[in-house]
């Protein structure tokens, strides 16, 4: 073992086995509900998160992200949910409110 506590690998087979032992998967699935203006393009939801062809059903999670962000998906998912919620409130209020609740700017 070297100073950092990791084994030193000197043979190709041992290196391959070491890589396989240490590789893990990235379990932050995104992009399963494509966003787009029309379902003909393969999209599932529009830019407001409304599911095409189903009234009053919205998606506000990481599934609408086109790519995995370089950081954790938690914060972008919250931002998506906040935006979709603000759009739903505006829709409920007859589009009188265009900013998220609590935004005084």
N, C-alpha and C. Protein backbone atom coordinates (compact mmCIF):
# COMPACT_ATOMS: atom_id res chain seq x y z
N UNK A 1 0.84 -1.19 0.00
CA UNK A 1 0.00 0.00 0.00
C UNK A 1 0.88 1.24 0.00
N UNK A 2 0.41 2.28 -0.69
CA UNK A 2 1.18 3.52 -0.69
C UNK A 2 0.76 4.39 0.49
N UNK A 3 1.29 5.59 0.56
CA UNK A 3 1.05 6.48 1.70
C UNK A 3 -0.43 6.83 1.88
N UNK A 4 -1.17 6.91 0.77
CA UNK A 4 -2.59 7.27 0.86
C UNK A 4 -3.47 6.09 1.26
N UNK A 5 -2.87 4.91 1.37
CA UNK A 5 -3.65 3.73 1.77
C UNK A 5 -4.20 2.97 0.58
N UNK A 6 -3.87 3.39 -0.65
CA UNK A 6 -4.35 2.70 -1.83
C UNK A 6 -3.29 1.71 -2.29
N UNK A 7 -3.72 0.59 -2.82
CA UNK A 7 -2.79 -0.42 -3.31
C UNK A 7 -2.12 0.08 -4.59
N UNK A 8 -0.87 -0.19 -4.74
CA UNK A 8 -0.14 0.13 -5.96
C UNK A 8 -0.32 -1.03 -6.93
N UNK A 9 -0.75 -0.74 -8.15
CA UNK A 9 -1.02 -1.78 -9.14
C UNK A 9 0.04 -1.68 -10.23
N UNK A 10 0.66 -2.80 -10.53
CA UNK A 10 1.74 -2.78 -11.52
C UNK A 10 1.46 -3.63 -12.75
N UNK A 11 0.47 -4.50 -12.74
CA UNK A 11 0.16 -5.35 -13.88
C UNK A 11 -1.18 -4.94 -14.50
N UNK A 12 -1.29 -5.11 -15.82
CA UNK A 12 -2.50 -4.72 -16.53
C UNK A 12 -3.76 -5.39 -15.98
N UNK A 13 -3.70 -6.68 -15.72
CA UNK A 13 -4.86 -7.41 -15.22
C UNK A 13 -5.27 -6.90 -13.84
N UNK A 14 -4.26 -6.63 -13.01
CA UNK A 14 -4.56 -6.11 -11.68
C UNK A 14 -5.14 -4.71 -11.77
N UNK A 15 -4.64 -3.90 -12.73
CA UNK A 15 -5.17 -2.56 -12.92
C UNK A 15 -6.63 -2.62 -13.37
N UNK A 16 -6.93 -3.51 -14.31
CA UNK A 16 -8.31 -3.66 -14.79
C UNK A 16 -9.22 -4.10 -13.65
N UNK A 17 -8.78 -5.05 -12.85
CA UNK A 17 -9.58 -5.52 -11.72
C UNK A 17 -9.77 -4.40 -10.69
N UNK A 18 -8.75 -3.60 -10.48
CA UNK A 18 -8.84 -2.49 -9.53
C UNK A 18 -9.86 -1.46 -10.00
N UNK A 19 -9.86 -1.17 -11.29
CA UNK A 19 -10.82 -0.20 -11.84
C UNK A 19 -12.24 -0.72 -11.68
N UNK A 20 -12.46 -1.98 -12.04
CA UNK A 20 -13.79 -2.58 -11.92
C UNK A 20 -14.27 -2.54 -10.47
N UNK A 21 -13.39 -2.79 -9.52
CA UNK A 21 -13.74 -2.77 -8.10
C UNK A 21 -14.13 -1.38 -7.60
N UNK A 22 -13.60 -0.35 -8.22
CA UNK A 22 -13.79 1.01 -7.71
C UNK A 22 -14.81 1.86 -8.48
N UNK A 23 -15.21 1.41 -9.64
CA UNK A 23 -16.14 2.19 -10.46
C UNK A 23 -17.54 2.02 -9.92
N UNK A 24 -18.25 3.11 -9.85
CA UNK A 24 -19.64 3.08 -9.42
C UNK A 24 -20.51 3.79 -10.44
N UNK A 25 -21.79 3.64 -10.32
CA UNK A 25 -22.69 4.30 -11.26
C UNK A 25 -23.18 5.62 -10.66
N UNK A 26 -23.68 6.44 -11.52
CA UNK A 26 -24.17 7.77 -11.15
C UNK A 26 -25.69 7.72 -11.18
N UNK A 27 -26.31 7.54 -10.02
CA UNK A 27 -27.75 7.34 -9.95
C UNK A 27 -28.51 8.64 -9.77
N UNK A 28 -28.43 9.48 -10.76
CA UNK A 28 -29.22 10.71 -10.78
C UNK A 28 -29.88 10.79 -12.15
N UNK A 29 -30.87 9.93 -12.40
CA UNK A 29 -31.46 9.91 -13.74
C UNK A 29 -32.15 11.23 -14.06
N UNK A 30 -31.91 11.71 -15.23
CA UNK A 30 -32.56 12.92 -15.73
C UNK A 30 -32.96 12.67 -17.18
N UNK A 31 -33.79 13.54 -17.69
CA UNK A 31 -34.10 13.52 -19.11
C UNK A 31 -35.06 12.45 -19.58
N UNK A 32 -35.87 11.90 -18.70
CA UNK A 32 -36.80 10.87 -19.12
C UNK A 32 -38.11 11.43 -19.64
N UNK A 33 -38.36 12.74 -19.44
CA UNK A 33 -39.56 13.42 -19.96
C UNK A 33 -39.09 14.62 -20.77
N UNK A 34 -38.82 14.39 -22.03
CA UNK A 34 -38.30 15.46 -22.88
C UNK A 34 -39.25 16.66 -22.90
N UNK A 35 -38.67 17.86 -22.87
CA UNK A 35 -39.44 19.09 -22.89
C UNK A 35 -39.41 19.66 -24.30
N UNK A 36 -40.57 20.05 -24.80
CA UNK A 36 -40.65 20.64 -26.13
C UNK A 36 -42.05 21.15 -26.40
N UNK A 37 -42.20 21.94 -27.47
CA UNK A 37 -43.48 22.58 -27.72
C UNK A 37 -44.58 21.64 -28.23
N UNK A 38 -44.20 20.58 -28.92
CA UNK A 38 -45.21 19.67 -29.48
C UNK A 38 -44.80 18.22 -29.26
N UNK A 39 -45.77 17.35 -28.98
CA UNK A 39 -45.43 15.96 -28.74
C UNK A 39 -44.87 15.25 -29.97
N UNK A 40 -45.16 15.76 -31.16
CA UNK A 40 -44.64 15.14 -32.38
C UNK A 40 -43.12 15.11 -32.41
N UNK A 41 -42.49 16.03 -31.67
CA UNK A 41 -41.03 16.09 -31.65
C UNK A 41 -40.44 15.08 -30.66
N UNK A 42 -41.29 14.30 -30.02
CA UNK A 42 -40.84 13.33 -29.03
C UNK A 42 -40.88 13.87 -27.62
N UNK A 43 -41.35 15.09 -27.46
CA UNK A 43 -41.40 15.68 -26.13
C UNK A 43 -42.61 15.16 -25.35
N UNK A 44 -42.47 15.18 -24.04
CA UNK A 44 -43.52 14.70 -23.14
C UNK A 44 -44.24 15.88 -22.49
N UNK A 45 -43.48 16.94 -22.19
CA UNK A 45 -44.05 18.13 -21.53
C UNK A 45 -43.70 19.38 -22.31
N UNK A 46 -44.52 20.43 -22.11
CA UNK A 46 -44.19 21.72 -22.71
C UNK A 46 -43.27 22.50 -21.77
N UNK A 47 -42.96 23.75 -22.11
CA UNK A 47 -42.02 24.52 -21.30
C UNK A 47 -42.56 24.93 -19.94
N UNK A 48 -43.83 24.71 -19.70
CA UNK A 48 -44.42 24.97 -18.39
C UNK A 48 -44.54 23.70 -17.56
N UNK A 49 -44.06 22.58 -18.10
CA UNK A 49 -44.14 21.31 -17.38
C UNK A 49 -45.44 20.56 -17.58
N UNK A 50 -46.34 21.09 -18.42
CA UNK A 50 -47.63 20.44 -18.67
C UNK A 50 -47.42 19.23 -19.58
N UNK A 51 -47.98 18.09 -19.19
CA UNK A 51 -47.86 16.88 -19.99
C UNK A 51 -48.77 17.02 -21.21
N UNK A 52 -48.19 16.79 -22.39
CA UNK A 52 -48.97 16.88 -23.63
C UNK A 52 -50.11 15.88 -23.63
N UNK A 53 -51.32 16.37 -23.93
CA UNK A 53 -52.47 15.49 -24.09
C UNK A 53 -53.19 15.09 -22.82
N UNK A 54 -52.71 15.54 -21.66
CA UNK A 54 -53.38 15.21 -20.40
C UNK A 54 -53.60 16.50 -19.62
N UNK A 55 -54.85 16.88 -19.46
CA UNK A 55 -55.16 18.12 -18.75
C UNK A 55 -54.79 18.04 -17.28
N UNK A 56 -54.24 19.14 -16.78
CA UNK A 56 -53.94 19.33 -15.35
C UNK A 56 -52.90 18.36 -14.79
N UNK A 57 -52.02 17.83 -15.64
CA UNK A 57 -50.93 16.99 -15.16
C UNK A 57 -49.62 17.67 -15.53
N UNK A 58 -48.79 17.91 -14.52
CA UNK A 58 -47.53 18.62 -14.71
C UNK A 58 -46.38 17.81 -14.15
N UNK A 59 -45.22 17.98 -14.74
CA UNK A 59 -44.00 17.33 -14.28
C UNK A 59 -43.04 18.43 -13.85
N UNK A 60 -42.55 18.34 -12.63
CA UNK A 60 -41.66 19.38 -12.09
C UNK A 60 -40.51 18.71 -11.34
N UNK A 61 -39.73 17.93 -12.05
CA UNK A 61 -38.60 17.23 -11.42
C UNK A 61 -37.44 17.10 -12.40
N UNK A 62 -36.45 16.33 -12.04
CA UNK A 62 -35.24 16.20 -12.85
C UNK A 62 -35.49 15.51 -14.18
N UNK A 63 -36.63 14.88 -14.35
CA UNK A 63 -36.88 14.18 -15.60
C UNK A 63 -37.00 15.12 -16.79
N UNK A 64 -37.24 16.41 -16.56
CA UNK A 64 -37.33 17.37 -17.68
C UNK A 64 -35.98 17.99 -18.04
N UNK A 65 -34.93 17.68 -17.27
CA UNK A 65 -33.60 18.20 -17.60
C UNK A 65 -33.08 17.49 -18.85
N UNK A 66 -32.53 18.24 -19.80
CA UNK A 66 -32.03 17.58 -21.01
C UNK A 66 -30.73 16.81 -20.78
N UNK A 67 -29.92 17.23 -19.82
CA UNK A 67 -28.63 16.60 -19.53
C UNK A 67 -28.40 16.56 -18.03
N UNK A 68 -27.52 15.66 -17.59
CA UNK A 68 -27.12 15.62 -16.19
C UNK A 68 -26.26 16.84 -15.91
N UNK A 69 -26.62 17.65 -14.91
CA UNK A 69 -25.76 18.81 -14.60
C UNK A 69 -24.41 18.35 -14.04
N UNK A 70 -23.44 19.23 -14.12
CA UNK A 70 -22.10 18.86 -13.65
C UNK A 70 -22.04 18.74 -12.13
N UNK A 71 -23.02 19.28 -11.44
CA UNK A 71 -23.10 19.17 -9.99
C UNK A 71 -24.28 18.26 -9.64
N UNK A 72 -24.60 18.15 -8.39
CA UNK A 72 -25.73 17.35 -7.94
C UNK A 72 -27.02 17.87 -8.56
N UNK A 73 -28.00 17.02 -8.74
CA UNK A 73 -29.27 17.40 -9.36
C UNK A 73 -30.24 18.07 -8.38
N UNK A 74 -29.93 18.08 -7.11
CA UNK A 74 -30.87 18.57 -6.10
C UNK A 74 -31.28 20.03 -6.33
N UNK A 75 -30.33 20.93 -6.41
CA UNK A 75 -30.65 22.35 -6.56
C UNK A 75 -31.36 22.66 -7.87
N UNK A 76 -30.89 22.17 -9.01
CA UNK A 76 -31.64 22.44 -10.24
C UNK A 76 -33.07 21.89 -10.20
N UNK A 77 -33.26 20.76 -9.53
CA UNK A 77 -34.60 20.19 -9.42
C UNK A 77 -35.51 21.11 -8.61
N UNK A 78 -34.98 21.65 -7.53
CA UNK A 78 -35.76 22.62 -6.73
C UNK A 78 -36.12 23.84 -7.59
N UNK A 79 -35.16 24.31 -8.37
CA UNK A 79 -35.42 25.48 -9.22
C UNK A 79 -36.51 25.18 -10.25
N UNK A 80 -36.47 23.99 -10.84
CA UNK A 80 -37.51 23.60 -11.80
C UNK A 80 -38.87 23.56 -11.12
N UNK A 81 -38.92 22.94 -9.95
CA UNK A 81 -40.18 22.83 -9.21
C UNK A 81 -40.72 24.21 -8.82
N UNK A 82 -39.84 25.12 -8.39
CA UNK A 82 -40.27 26.47 -8.04
C UNK A 82 -40.84 27.20 -9.26
N UNK A 83 -40.20 27.04 -10.40
CA UNK A 83 -40.64 27.71 -11.62
C UNK A 83 -41.99 27.17 -12.08
N UNK A 84 -42.14 25.85 -12.08
CA UNK A 84 -43.42 25.26 -12.49
C UNK A 84 -44.51 25.67 -11.50
N UNK A 85 -44.20 25.70 -10.22
CA UNK A 85 -45.19 26.13 -9.22
C UNK A 85 -45.62 27.58 -9.47
N UNK A 86 -44.66 28.45 -9.78
CA UNK A 86 -44.98 29.85 -10.06
C UNK A 86 -45.86 29.96 -11.30
N UNK A 87 -45.57 29.16 -12.32
CA UNK A 87 -46.40 29.17 -13.52
C UNK A 87 -47.82 28.68 -13.22
N UNK A 88 -47.94 27.69 -12.35
CA UNK A 88 -49.27 27.19 -11.98
C UNK A 88 -50.05 28.23 -11.19
N UNK A 89 -49.38 28.94 -10.30
CA UNK A 89 -50.04 30.00 -9.54
C UNK A 89 -50.50 31.11 -10.49
N UNK A 90 -49.64 31.48 -11.43
CA UNK A 90 -50.00 32.51 -12.40
C UNK A 90 -51.19 32.05 -13.24
N UNK A 91 -51.19 30.80 -13.61
CA UNK A 91 -52.31 30.25 -14.40
C UNK A 91 -53.60 30.28 -13.59
N UNK A 92 -53.50 29.90 -12.32
CA UNK A 92 -54.67 29.92 -11.44
C UNK A 92 -55.21 31.33 -11.25
N UNK A 93 -54.28 32.28 -11.13
CA UNK A 93 -54.66 33.68 -10.89
C UNK A 93 -54.95 34.44 -12.18
N UNK A 94 -55.09 33.73 -13.28
CA UNK A 94 -55.39 34.38 -14.54
C UNK A 94 -54.19 35.14 -15.09
N UNK A 95 -53.01 34.66 -14.83
CA UNK A 95 -51.75 35.26 -15.31
C UNK A 95 -51.50 36.64 -14.74
N UNK A 96 -52.19 37.00 -13.66
CA UNK A 96 -51.97 38.30 -13.02
C UNK A 96 -50.62 38.32 -12.32
N UNK A 97 -50.15 37.17 -11.88
CA UNK A 97 -48.89 37.08 -11.16
C UNK A 97 -47.88 36.37 -12.05
N UNK A 98 -46.77 37.01 -12.35
CA UNK A 98 -45.77 36.39 -13.21
C UNK A 98 -44.50 36.02 -12.45
N UNK A 99 -44.37 36.48 -11.23
CA UNK A 99 -43.19 36.15 -10.41
C UNK A 99 -43.59 35.14 -9.34
N UNK A 100 -42.62 34.35 -8.87
CA UNK A 100 -42.92 33.40 -7.80
C UNK A 100 -43.44 34.10 -6.57
N UNK A 101 -44.30 33.45 -5.77
CA UNK A 101 -44.79 34.07 -4.54
C UNK A 101 -43.62 34.51 -3.66
N UNK A 102 -43.73 35.70 -3.09
CA UNK A 102 -42.69 36.22 -2.22
C UNK A 102 -41.65 37.04 -2.94
N UNK A 103 -41.66 37.05 -4.28
CA UNK A 103 -40.69 37.83 -5.05
C UNK A 103 -41.27 39.24 -5.22
N UNK A 104 -40.68 40.20 -4.51
CA UNK A 104 -41.19 41.57 -4.54
C UNK A 104 -40.52 42.42 -5.60
N UNK A 105 -39.55 41.87 -6.33
CA UNK A 105 -38.83 42.68 -7.31
C UNK A 105 -39.68 43.04 -8.50
